[in-house]
Amino acid sequence: AYIEDVDFENNSAQIAEQINNFVDEQTHGKITQLVS
């Protein structure tokens, strides 16, 4: 697993975007938004 420390409290929107980008990359663009 790739592990990273993040600031959920102050940067939740950016982290959600990071998660979606990770999934987008891993699924070759077929799932672009997993979390809102």
PDB file of all heavy atoms in Angstrom:
ATOM      1  N   ALA A   1       0.829  -1.202   0.000  1.00  0.00           N
ATOM      2  CA  ALA A   1       0.000   0.000   0.000  1.00  0.00           C
ATOM      3  C   ALA A   1       0.866   1.255   0.000  1.00  0.00           C
ATOM      4  O   ALA A   1       1.904   1.322   0.671  1.00  0.00           O
ATOM      5  CB  ALA A   1      -0.921   0.010   1.214  1.00  0.00           C
ATOM      6  N   TYR A   2       0.418   2.243  -0.750  1.00  0.00           N
ATOM      7  CA  TYR A   2       0.993   3.582  -0.682  1.00  0.00           C
ATOM      8  C   TYR A   2       0.405   4.273   0.548  1.00  0.00           C
ATOM      9  O   TYR A   2      -0.823   4.315   0.716  1.00  0.00           O
ATOM     10  CB  TYR A   2       0.668   4.368  -1.953  1.00  0.00           C
ATOM     11  CG  TYR A   2       1.002   5.833  -1.878  1.00  0.00           C
ATOM     12  CD1 TYR A   2       2.321   6.264  -1.978  1.00  0.00           C
ATOM     13  CD2 TYR A   2      -0.007   6.775  -1.698  1.00  0.00           C
ATOM     14  CE1 TYR A   2       2.638   7.618  -1.908  1.00  0.00           C
ATOM     15  CE2 TYR A   2       0.296   8.128  -1.629  1.00  0.00           C
ATOM     16  CZ  TYR A   2       1.614   8.546  -1.726  1.00  0.00           C
ATOM     17  OH  TYR A   2       1.917   9.867  -1.639  1.00  0.00           O
ATOM     18  N   ILE A   3       1.237   4.805   1.422  1.00  0.00           N
ATOM     19  CA  ILE A   3       0.783   5.408   2.673  1.00  0.00           C
ATOM     20  C   ILE A   3       1.186   6.875   2.709  1.00  0.00           C
ATOM     21  O   ILE A   3       2.315   7.230   2.366  1.00  0.00           O
ATOM     22  CB  ILE A   3       1.382   4.659   3.891  1.00  0.00           C
ATOM     23  CG1 ILE A   3       0.940   3.183   3.871  1.00  0.00           C
ATOM     24  CG2 ILE A   3       0.947   5.329   5.190  1.00  0.00           C
ATOM     25  CD1 ILE A   3       1.519   2.354   5.003  1.00  0.00           C
ATOM     26  N   GLU A   4       0.254   7.711   3.148  1.00  0.00           N
ATOM     27  CA  GLU A   4       0.534   9.148   3.228  1.00  0.00           C
ATOM     28  C   GLU A   4      -0.221   9.759   4.399  1.00  0.00           C
ATOM     29  O   GLU A   4      -1.377   9.407   4.667  1.00  0.00           O
ATOM     30  CB  GLU A   4       0.114   9.838   1.928  1.00  0.00           C
ATOM     31  CG  GLU A   4       0.438  11.326   1.888  1.00  0.00           C
ATOM     32  CD  GLU A   4       0.023  11.990   0.595  1.00  0.00           C
ATOM     33  OE1 GLU A   4      -0.364  11.269  -0.358  1.00  0.00           O
ATOM     34  OE2 GLU A   4       0.075  13.243   0.521  1.00  0.00           O
ATOM     35  N   ASP A   5       0.424  10.674   5.104  1.00  0.00           N
ATOM     36  CA  ASP A   5      -0.218  11.456   6.157  1.00  0.00           C
ATOM     37  C   ASP A   5      -0.851  12.696   5.531  1.00  0.00           C
ATOM     38  O   ASP A   5      -0.196  13.411   4.761  1.00  0.00           O
ATOM     39  CB  ASP A   5       0.802  11.876   7.221  1.00  0.00           C
ATOM     40  CG  ASP A   5       1.379  10.687   7.973  1.00  0.00           C
ATOM     41  OD1 ASP A   5       0.653   9.690   8.143  1.00  0.00           O
ATOM     42  OD2 ASP A   5       2.555  10.749   8.376  1.00  0.00           O
ATOM     43  N   VAL A   6      -2.107  12.932   5.860  1.00  0.00           N
ATOM     44  CA  VAL A   6      -2.845  14.047   5.257  1.00  0.00           C
ATOM     45  C   VAL A   6      -3.627  14.789   6.335  1.00  0.00           C
ATOM     46  O   VAL A   6      -3.822  14.290   7.450  1.00  0.00           O
ATOM     47  CB  VAL A   6      -3.810  13.560   4.152  1.00  0.00           C
ATOM     48  CG1 VAL A   6      -3.046  12.932   2.996  1.00  0.00           C
ATOM     49  CG2 VAL A   6      -4.823  12.566   4.722  1.00  0.00           C
ATOM     50  N   ASP A   7      -4.111  15.970   5.993  1.00  0.00           N
ATOM     51  CA  ASP A   7      -4.884  16.809   6.912  1.00  0.00           C
ATOM     52  C   ASP A   7      -6.355  16.766   6.517  1.00  0.00           C
ATOM     53  O   ASP A   7      -6.853  17.615   5.769  1.00  0.00           O
ATOM     54  CB  ASP A   7      -4.345  18.244   6.878  1.00  0.00           C
ATOM     55  CG  ASP A   7      -4.990  19.141   7.919  1.00  0.00           C
ATOM     56  OD1 ASP A   7      -5.923  18.686   8.615  1.00  0.00           O
ATOM     57  OD2 ASP A   7      -4.580  20.314   8.023  1.00  0.00           O
ATOM     58  N   PHE A   8      -7.058  15.746   7.020  1.00  0.00           N
ATOM     59  CA  PHE A   8      -8.475  15.615   6.705  1.00  0.00           C
ATOM     60  C   PHE A   8      -9.279  16.805   7.209  1.00  0.00           C
ATOM     61  O   PHE A   8     -10.227  17.251   6.565  1.00  0.00           O
ATOM     62  CB  PHE A   8      -9.046  14.333   7.327  1.00  0.00           C
ATOM     63  CG  PHE A   8      -8.634  13.063   6.640  1.00  0.00           C
ATOM     64  CD1 PHE A   8      -7.725  12.207   7.241  1.00  0.00           C
ATOM     65  CD2 PHE A   8      -9.144  12.719   5.401  1.00  0.00           C
ATOM     66  CE1 PHE A   8      -7.348  11.028   6.620  1.00  0.00           C
ATOM     67  CE2 PHE A   8      -8.773  11.542   4.772  1.00  0.00           C
ATOM     68  CZ  PHE A   8      -7.866  10.695   5.382  1.00  0.00           C
ATOM     69  N   GLU A   9      -8.904  17.334   8.387  1.00  0.00           N
ATOM     70  CA  GLU A   9      -9.714  18.362   9.028  1.00  0.00           C
ATOM     71  C   GLU A   9      -9.764  19.646   8.217  1.00  0.00           C
ATOM     72  O   GLU A   9     -10.820  20.287   8.093  1.00  0.00           O
ATOM     73  CB  GLU A   9      -9.172  18.654  10.434  1.00  0.00           C
ATOM     74  CG  GLU A   9     -10.039  19.631  11.212  1.00  0.00           C
ATOM     75  CD  GLU A   9      -9.604  19.780  12.654  1.00  0.00           C
ATOM     76  OE1 GLU A   9      -8.604  19.147  13.048  1.00  0.00           O
ATOM     77  OE2 GLU A   9     -10.272  20.532  13.389  1.00  0.00           O
ATOM     78  N   ASN A  10      -8.635  20.024   7.636  1.00  0.00           N
ATOM     79  CA  ASN A  10      -8.576  21.309   6.943  1.00  0.00           C
ATOM     80  C   ASN A  10      -8.546  21.199   5.419  1.00  0.00           C
ATOM     81  O   ASN A  10      -8.761  22.204   4.731  1.00  0.00           O
ATOM     82  CB  ASN A  10      -7.344  22.094   7.408  1.00  0.00           C
ATOM     83  CG  ASN A  10      -7.404  22.440   8.888  1.00  0.00           C
ATOM     84  OD1 ASN A  10      -8.388  23.012   9.353  1.00  0.00           O
ATOM     85  ND2 ASN A  10      -6.361  22.074   9.626  1.00  0.00           N
ATOM     86  N   ASN A  11      -8.275  19.989   4.901  1.00  0.00           N
ATOM     87  CA  ASN A  11      -8.113  19.839   3.451  1.00  0.00           C
ATOM     88  C   ASN A  11      -8.961  18.700   2.886  1.00  0.00           C
ATOM     89  O   ASN A  11      -8.529  18.003   1.973  1.00  0.00           O
ATOM     90  CB  ASN A  11      -6.633  19.600   3.109  1.00  0.00           C
ATOM     91  CG  ASN A  11      -5.750  20.766   3.479  1.00  0.00           C
ATOM     92  OD1 ASN A  11      -6.126  21.913   3.276  1.00  0.00           O
ATOM     93  ND2 ASN A  11      -4.587  20.466   4.032  1.00  0.00           N
ATOM     94  N   SER A  12     -10.161  18.505   3.419  1.00  0.00           N
ATOM     95  CA  SER A  12     -10.968  17.348   3.008  1.00  0.00           C
ATOM     96  C   SER A  12     -11.304  17.378   1.521  1.00  0.00           C
ATOM     97  O   SER A  12     -11.312  16.343   0.851  1.00  0.00           O
ATOM     98  CB  SER A  12     -12.249  17.275   3.844  1.00  0.00           C
ATOM     99  OG  SER A  12     -13.035  18.451   3.675  1.00  0.00           O
ATOM    100  N   ALA A  13     -11.566  18.558   0.965  1.00  0.00           N
ATOM    101  CA  ALA A  13     -11.914  18.649  -0.457  1.00  0.00           C
ATOM    102  C   ALA A  13     -10.731  18.249  -1.336  1.00  0.00           C
ATOM    103  O   ALA A  13     -10.893  17.511  -2.317  1.00  0.00           O
ATOM    104  CB  ALA A  13     -12.369  20.069  -0.793  1.00  0.00           C
ATOM    105  N   GLN A  14      -9.546  18.708  -0.984  1.00  0.00           N
ATOM    106  CA  GLN A  14      -8.354  18.366  -1.758  1.00  0.00           C
ATOM    107  C   GLN A  14      -8.021  16.884  -1.658  1.00  0.00           C
ATOM    108  O   GLN A  14      -7.580  16.263  -2.635  1.00  0.00           O
ATOM    109  CB  GLN A  14      -7.153  19.195  -1.286  1.00  0.00           C
ATOM    110  CG  GLN A  14      -7.285  20.691  -1.540  1.00  0.00           C
ATOM    111  CD  GLN A  14      -7.887  21.428  -0.340  1.00  0.00           C
ATOM    112  OE1 GLN A  14      -8.817  20.928   0.301  1.00  0.00           O
ATOM    113  NE2 GLN A  14      -7.349  22.607  -0.058  1.00  0.00           N
ATOM    114  N   ILE A  15      -8.249  16.306  -0.469  1.00  0.00           N
ATOM    115  CA  ILE A  15      -7.963  14.877  -0.283  1.00  0.00           C
ATOM    116  C   ILE A  15      -8.949  14.025  -1.072  1.00  0.00           C
ATOM    117  O   ILE A  15      -8.585  13.009  -1.661  1.00  0.00           O
ATOM    118  CB  ILE A  15      -7.973  14.516   1.206  1.00  0.00           C
ATOM    119  CG1 ILE A  15      -6.864  15.282   1.932  1.00  0.00           C
ATOM    120  CG2 ILE A  15      -7.787  13.014   1.406  1.00  0.00           C
ATOM    121  CD1 ILE A  15      -6.977  15.240   3.440  1.00  0.00           C
ATOM    122  N   ALA A  16     -10.219  14.439  -1.105  1.00  0.00           N
ATOM    123  CA  ALA A  16     -11.201  13.731  -1.929  1.00  0.00           C
ATOM    124  C   ALA A  16     -10.780  13.758  -3.396  1.00  0.00           C
ATOM    125  O   ALA A  16     -10.884  12.745  -4.103  1.00  0.00           O
ATOM    126  CB  ALA A  16     -12.583  14.367  -1.761  1.00  0.00           C
ATOM    127  N   GLU A  17     -10.277  14.898  -3.848  1.00  0.00           N
ATOM    128  CA  GLU A  17      -9.782  15.002  -5.223  1.00  0.00           C
ATOM    129  C   GLU A  17      -8.578  14.095  -5.430  1.00  0.00           C
ATOM    130  O   GLU A  17      -8.441  13.440  -6.481  1.00  0.00           O
ATOM    131  CB  GLU A  17      -9.409  16.447  -5.539  1.00  0.00           C
ATOM    132  CG  GLU A  17      -8.946  16.659  -6.977  1.00  0.00           C
ATOM    133  CD  GLU A  17      -8.600  18.107  -7.267  1.00  0.00           C
ATOM    134  OE1 GLU A  17      -8.690  18.945  -6.339  1.00  0.00           O
ATOM    135  OE2 GLU A  17      -8.234  18.399  -8.416  1.00  0.00           O
ATOM    136  N   GLN A  18      -7.705  14.007  -4.433  1.00  0.00           N
ATOM    137  CA  GLN A  18      -6.540  13.129  -4.517  1.00  0.00           C
ATOM    138  C   GLN A  18      -6.966  11.669  -4.645  1.00  0.00           C
ATOM    139  O   GLN A  18      -6.405  10.907  -5.442  1.00  0.00           O
ATOM    140  CB  GLN A  18      -5.668  13.306  -3.274  1.00  0.00           C
ATOM    141  CG  GLN A  18      -4.473  12.364  -3.212  1.00  0.00           C
ATOM    142  CD  GLN A  18      -3.669  12.551  -1.936  1.00  0.00           C
ATOM    143  OE1 GLN A  18      -3.664  13.623  -1.336  1.00  0.00           O
ATOM    144  NE2 GLN A  18      -2.989  11.494  -1.491  1.00  0.00           N
ATOM    145  N   ILE A  19      -7.959  11.276  -3.861  1.00  0.00           N
ATOM    146  CA  ILE A  19      -8.466   9.903  -3.931  1.00  0.00           C
ATOM    147  C   ILE A  19      -9.038   9.622  -5.319  1.00  0.00           C
ATOM    148  O   ILE A  19      -8.764   8.585  -5.933  1.00  0.00           O
ATOM    149  CB  ILE A  19      -9.535   9.674  -2.842  1.00  0.00           C
ATOM    150  CG1 ILE A  19      -8.885   9.695  -1.455  1.00  0.00           C
ATOM    151  CG2 ILE A  19     -10.282   8.368  -3.073  1.00  0.00           C
ATOM    152  CD1 ILE A  19      -9.873   9.764  -0.322  1.00  0.00           C
ATOM    153  N   ASN A  20      -9.836  10.556  -5.821  1.00  0.00           N
ATOM    154  CA  ASN A  20     -10.433  10.366  -7.143  1.00  0.00           C
ATOM    155  C   ASN A  20      -9.369  10.306  -8.236  1.00  0.00           C
ATOM    156  O   ASN A  20      -9.494   9.531  -9.190  1.00  0.00           O
ATOM    157  CB  ASN A  20     -11.435  11.481  -7.422  1.00  0.00           C
ATOM    158  CG  ASN A  20     -12.702  11.359  -6.595  1.00  0.00           C
ATOM    159  OD1 ASN A  20     -13.099  10.250  -6.235  1.00  0.00           O
ATOM    160  ND2 ASN A  20     -13.333  12.476  -6.286  1.00  0.00           N
ATOM    161  N   ASN A  21      -8.325  11.089  -8.093  1.00  0.00           N
ATOM    162  CA  ASN A  21      -7.238  11.047  -9.074  1.00  0.00           C
ATOM    163  C   ASN A  21      -6.509   9.707  -9.029  1.00  0.00           C
ATOM    164  O   ASN A  21      -6.121   9.165 -10.075  1.00  0.00           O
ATOM    165  CB  ASN A  21      -6.250  12.189  -8.825  1.00  0.00           C
ATOM    166  CG  ASN A  21      -6.811  13.547  -9.194  1.00  0.00           C
ATOM    167  OD1 ASN A  21      -7.756  13.644  -9.976  1.00  0.00           O
ATOM    168  ND2 ASN A  21      -6.253  14.603  -8.633  1.00  0.00           N
ATOM    169  N   PHE A  22      -6.309   9.170  -7.821  1.00  0.00           N
ATOM    170  CA  PHE A  22      -5.662   7.871  -7.661  1.00  0.00           C
ATOM    171  C   PHE A  22      -6.483   6.779  -8.352  1.00  0.00           C
ATOM    172  O   PHE A  22      -5.962   5.961  -9.123  1.00  0.00           O
ATOM    173  CB  PHE A  22      -5.506   7.560  -6.175  1.00  0.00           C
ATOM    174  CG  PHE A  22      -5.012   6.168  -5.867  1.00  0.00           C
ATOM    175  CD1 PHE A  22      -3.667   5.851  -5.949  1.00  0.00           C
ATOM    176  CD2 PHE A  22      -5.903   5.174  -5.486  1.00  0.00           C
ATOM    177  CE1 PHE A  22      -3.213   4.570  -5.662  1.00  0.00           C
ATOM    178  CE2 PHE A  22      -5.471   3.890  -5.207  1.00  0.00           C
ATOM    179  CZ  PHE A  22      -4.116   3.593  -5.292  1.00  0.00           C
ATOM    180  N   VAL A  23      -7.790   6.790  -8.092  1.00  0.00           N
ATOM    181  CA  VAL A  23      -8.665   5.783  -8.694  1.00  0.00           C
ATOM    182  C   VAL A  23      -8.737   5.970 -10.207  1.00  0.00           C
ATOM    183  O   VAL A  23      -8.714   5.000 -10.971  1.00  0.00           O
ATOM    184  CB  VAL A  23     -10.068   5.849  -8.056  1.00  0.00           C
ATOM    185  CG1 VAL A  23     -11.041   4.948  -8.795  1.00  0.00           C
ATOM    186  CG2 VAL A  23     -10.003   5.456  -6.584  1.00  0.00           C
ATOM    187  N   ASP A  24      -8.818   7.211 -10.643  1.00  0.00           N
ATOM    188  CA  ASP A  24      -8.847   7.516 -12.079  1.00  0.00           C
ATOM    189  C   ASP A  24      -7.614   6.942 -12.774  1.00  0.00           C
ATOM    190  O   ASP A  24      -7.714   6.309 -13.833  1.00  0.00           O
ATOM    191  CB  ASP A  24      -8.911   9.037 -12.254  1.00  0.00           C
ATOM    192  CG  ASP A  24      -8.971   9.463 -13.713  1.00  0.00           C
ATOM    193  OD1 ASP A  24      -9.529   8.707 -14.532  1.00  0.00           O
ATOM    194  OD2 ASP A  24      -8.460  10.544 -14.035  1.00  0.00           O
ATOM    195  N   GLU A  25      -6.456   7.134 -12.167  1.00  0.00           N
ATOM    196  CA  GLU A  25      -5.213   6.630 -12.760  1.00  0.00           C
ATOM    197  C   GLU A  25      -5.173   5.108 -12.752  1.00  0.00           C
ATOM    198  O   GLU A  25      -4.819   4.478 -13.756  1.00  0.00           O
ATOM    199  CB  GLU A  25      -4.017   7.182 -11.987  1.00  0.00           C
ATOM    200  CG  GLU A  25      -2.668   6.707 -12.526  1.00  0.00           C
ATOM    201  CD  GLU A  25      -1.494   7.237 -11.725  1.00  0.00           C
ATOM    202  OE1 GLU A  25      -1.714   8.036 -10.792  1.00  0.00           O
ATOM    203  OE2 GLU A  25      -0.345   6.842 -12.025  1.00  0.00           O
ATOM    204  N   GLN A  26      -5.544   4.493 -11.631  1.00  0.00           N
ATOM    205  CA  GLN A  26      -5.447   3.043 -11.502  1.00  0.00           C
ATOM    206  C   GLN A  26      -6.451   2.315 -12.398  1.00  0.00           C
ATOM    207  O   GLN A  26      -6.208   1.177 -12.811  1.00  0.00           O
ATOM    208  CB  GLN A  26      -5.645   2.619 -10.047  1.00  0.00           C
ATOM    209  CG  GLN A  26      -4.563   3.106  -9.100  1.00  0.00           C
ATOM    210  CD  GLN A  26      -3.192   2.584  -9.456  1.00  0.00           C
ATOM    211  OE1 GLN A  26      -3.036   1.452  -9.905  1.00  0.00           O
ATOM    212  NE2 GLN A  26      -2.167   3.412  -9.260  1.00  0.00           N
ATOM    213  N   THR A  27      -7.589   2.951 -12.687  1.00  0.00           N
ATOM    214  CA  THR A  27      -8.601   2.318 -13.540  1.00  0.00           C
ATOM    215  C   THR A  27      -8.568   2.855 -14.963  1.00  0.00           C
ATOM    216  O   THR A  27      -9.527   2.697 -15.715  1.00  0.00           O
ATOM    217  CB  THR A  27     -10.010   2.510 -12.949  1.00  0.00           C
ATOM    218  OG1 THR A  27     -10.333   3.903 -12.896  1.00  0.00           O
ATOM    219  CG2 THR A  27     -10.105   1.919 -11.547  1.00  0.00           C
ATOM    220  N   HIS A  28      -7.476   3.511 -15.306  1.00  0.00           N
ATOM    221  CA  HIS A  28      -7.264   3.991 -16.675  1.00  0.00           C
ATOM    222  C   HIS A  28      -8.406   4.885 -17.149  1.00  0.00           C
ATOM    223  O   HIS A  28      -8.875   4.770 -18.287  1.00  0.00           O
ATOM    224  CB  HIS A  28      -7.063   2.806 -17.620  1.00  0.00           C
ATOM    225  CG  HIS A  28      -5.855   1.977 -17.289  1.00  0.00           C
ATOM    226  ND1 HIS A  28      -4.755   1.904 -18.115  1.00  0.00           N
ATOM    227  CD2 HIS A  28      -5.566   1.193 -16.218  1.00  0.00           C
ATOM    228  CE1 HIS A  28      -3.845   1.109 -17.565  1.00  0.00           C
ATOM    229  NE2 HIS A  28      -4.312   0.666 -16.415  1.00  0.00           N
ATOM    230  N   GLY A  29      -8.879   5.729 -16.243  1.00  0.00           N
ATOM    231  CA  GLY A  29      -9.885   6.717 -16.598  1.00  0.00           C
ATOM    232  C   GLY A  29     -11.314   6.214 -16.637  1.00  0.00           C
ATOM    233  O   GLY A  29     -12.214   6.958 -17.030  1.00  0.00           O
ATOM    234  N   LYS A  30     -11.555   4.978 -16.211  1.00  0.00           N
ATOM    235  CA  LYS A  30     -12.906   4.429 -16.284  1.00  0.00           C
ATOM    236  C   LYS A  30     -13.754   4.761 -15.057  1.00  0.00           C
ATOM    237  O   LYS A  30     -14.979   4.758 -15.120  1.00  0.00           O
ATOM    238  CB  LYS A  30     -12.836   2.911 -16.482  1.00  0.00           C
ATOM    239  CG  LYS A  30     -12.148   2.504 -17.787  1.00  0.00           C
ATOM    240  CD  LYS A  30     -12.836   3.118 -18.984  1.00  0.00           C
ATOM    241  CE  LYS A  30     -12.134   2.749 -20.280  1.00  0.00           C
ATOM    242  NZ  LYS A  30     -12.778   3.360 -21.455  1.00  0.00           N
ATOM    243  N   ILE A  31     -13.128   5.002 -13.931  1.00  0.00           N
ATOM    244  CA  ILE A  31     -13.831   5.507 -12.752  1.00  0.00           C
ATOM    245  C   ILE A  31     -13.153   6.806 -12.369  1.00  0.00           C
ATOM    246  O   ILE A  31     -11.996   6.822 -11.966  1.00  0.00           O
ATOM    247  CB  ILE A  31     -13.796   4.515 -11.583  1.00  0.00           C
ATOM    248  CG1 ILE A  31     -14.580   3.252 -11.945  1.00  0.00           C
ATOM    249  CG2 ILE A  31     -14.387   5.150 -10.317  1.00  0.00           C
ATOM    250  CD1 ILE A  31     -14.596   2.206 -10.861  1.00  0.00           C
ATOM    251  N   THR A  32     -13.868   7.915 -12.542  1.00  0.00           N
ATOM    252  CA  THR A  32     -13.260   9.229 -12.361  1.00  0.00           C
ATOM    253  C   THR A  32     -13.654   9.894 -11.051  1.00  0.00           C
ATOM    254  O   THR A  32     -12.955  10.788 -10.588  1.00  0.00           O
ATOM    255  CB  THR A  32     -13.643  10.160 -13.528  1.00  0.00           C
ATOM    256  OG1 THR A  32     -15.069  10.255 -13.602  1.00  0.00           O
ATOM    257  CG2 THR A  32     -13.097   9.625 -14.842  1.00  0.00           C
ATOM    258  N   GLN A  33     -14.765   9.501 -10.460  1.00  0.00           N
ATOM    259  CA  GLN A  33     -15.169  10.101  -9.191  1.00  0.00           C
ATOM    260  C   GLN A  33     -15.744   9.020  -8.292  1.00  0.00           C
ATOM    261  O   GLN A  33     -16.862   8.564  -8.475  1.00  0.00           O
ATOM    262  CB  GLN A  33     -16.200  11.219  -9.389  1.00  0.00           C
ATOM    263  CG  GLN A  33     -16.543  11.916  -8.077  1.00  0.00           C
ATOM    264  CD  GLN A  33     -17.462  13.101  -8.253  1.00  0.00           C
ATOM    265  OE1 GLN A  33     -18.046  13.289  -9.317  1.00  0.00           O
ATOM    266  NE2 GLN A  33     -17.597  13.914  -7.222  1.00  0.00           N
ATOM    267  N   LEU A  34     -14.959   8.640  -7.305  1.00  0.00           N
ATOM    268  CA  LEU A  34     -15.406   7.631  -6.355  1.00  0.00           C
ATOM    269  C   LEU A  34     -16.021   8.266  -5.121  1.00  0.00           C
ATOM    270  O   LEU A  34     -16.978   7.754  -4.565  1.00  0.00           O
ATOM    271  CB  LEU A  34     -14.229   6.736  -5.959  1.00  0.00           C
ATOM    272  CG  LEU A  34     -14.570   5.516  -5.118  1.00  0.00           C
ATOM    273  CD1 LEU A  34     -15.455   4.555  -5.906  1.00  0.00           C
ATOM    274  CD2 LEU A  34     -13.304   4.803  -4.662  1.00  0.00           C
ATOM    275  N   VAL A  35     -15.472   9.396  -4.693  1.00  0.00           N
ATOM    276  CA  VAL A  35     -15.998  10.091  -3.517  1.00  0.00           C
ATOM    277  C   VAL A  35     -16.335  11.520  -3.900  1.00  0.00           C
ATOM    278  O   VAL A  35     -15.678  12.140  -4.743  1.00  0.00           O
ATOM    279  CB  VAL A  35     -14.982  10.078  -2.350  1.00  0.00           C
ATOM    280  CG1 VAL A  35     -14.756   8.663  -1.867  1.00  0.00           C
ATOM    281  CG2 VAL A  35     -13.660  10.727  -2.752  1.00  0.00           C
ATOM    282  N   SER A  36     -17.371  12.055  -3.269  1.00  0.00           N
ATOM    283  CA  SER A  36     -17.751  13.441  -3.522  1.00  0.00           C
ATOM    284  C   SER A  36     -17.347  14.358  -2.382  1.00  0.00           C
ATOM    285  O   SER A  36     -17.294  15.572  -2.530  1.00  0.00           O
ATOM    286  CB  SER A  36     -19.268  13.539  -3.735  1.00  0.00           C
ATOM    287  OG  SER A  36     -19.967  13.002  -2.624  1.00  0.00           O
TER     288      SER A  36
END
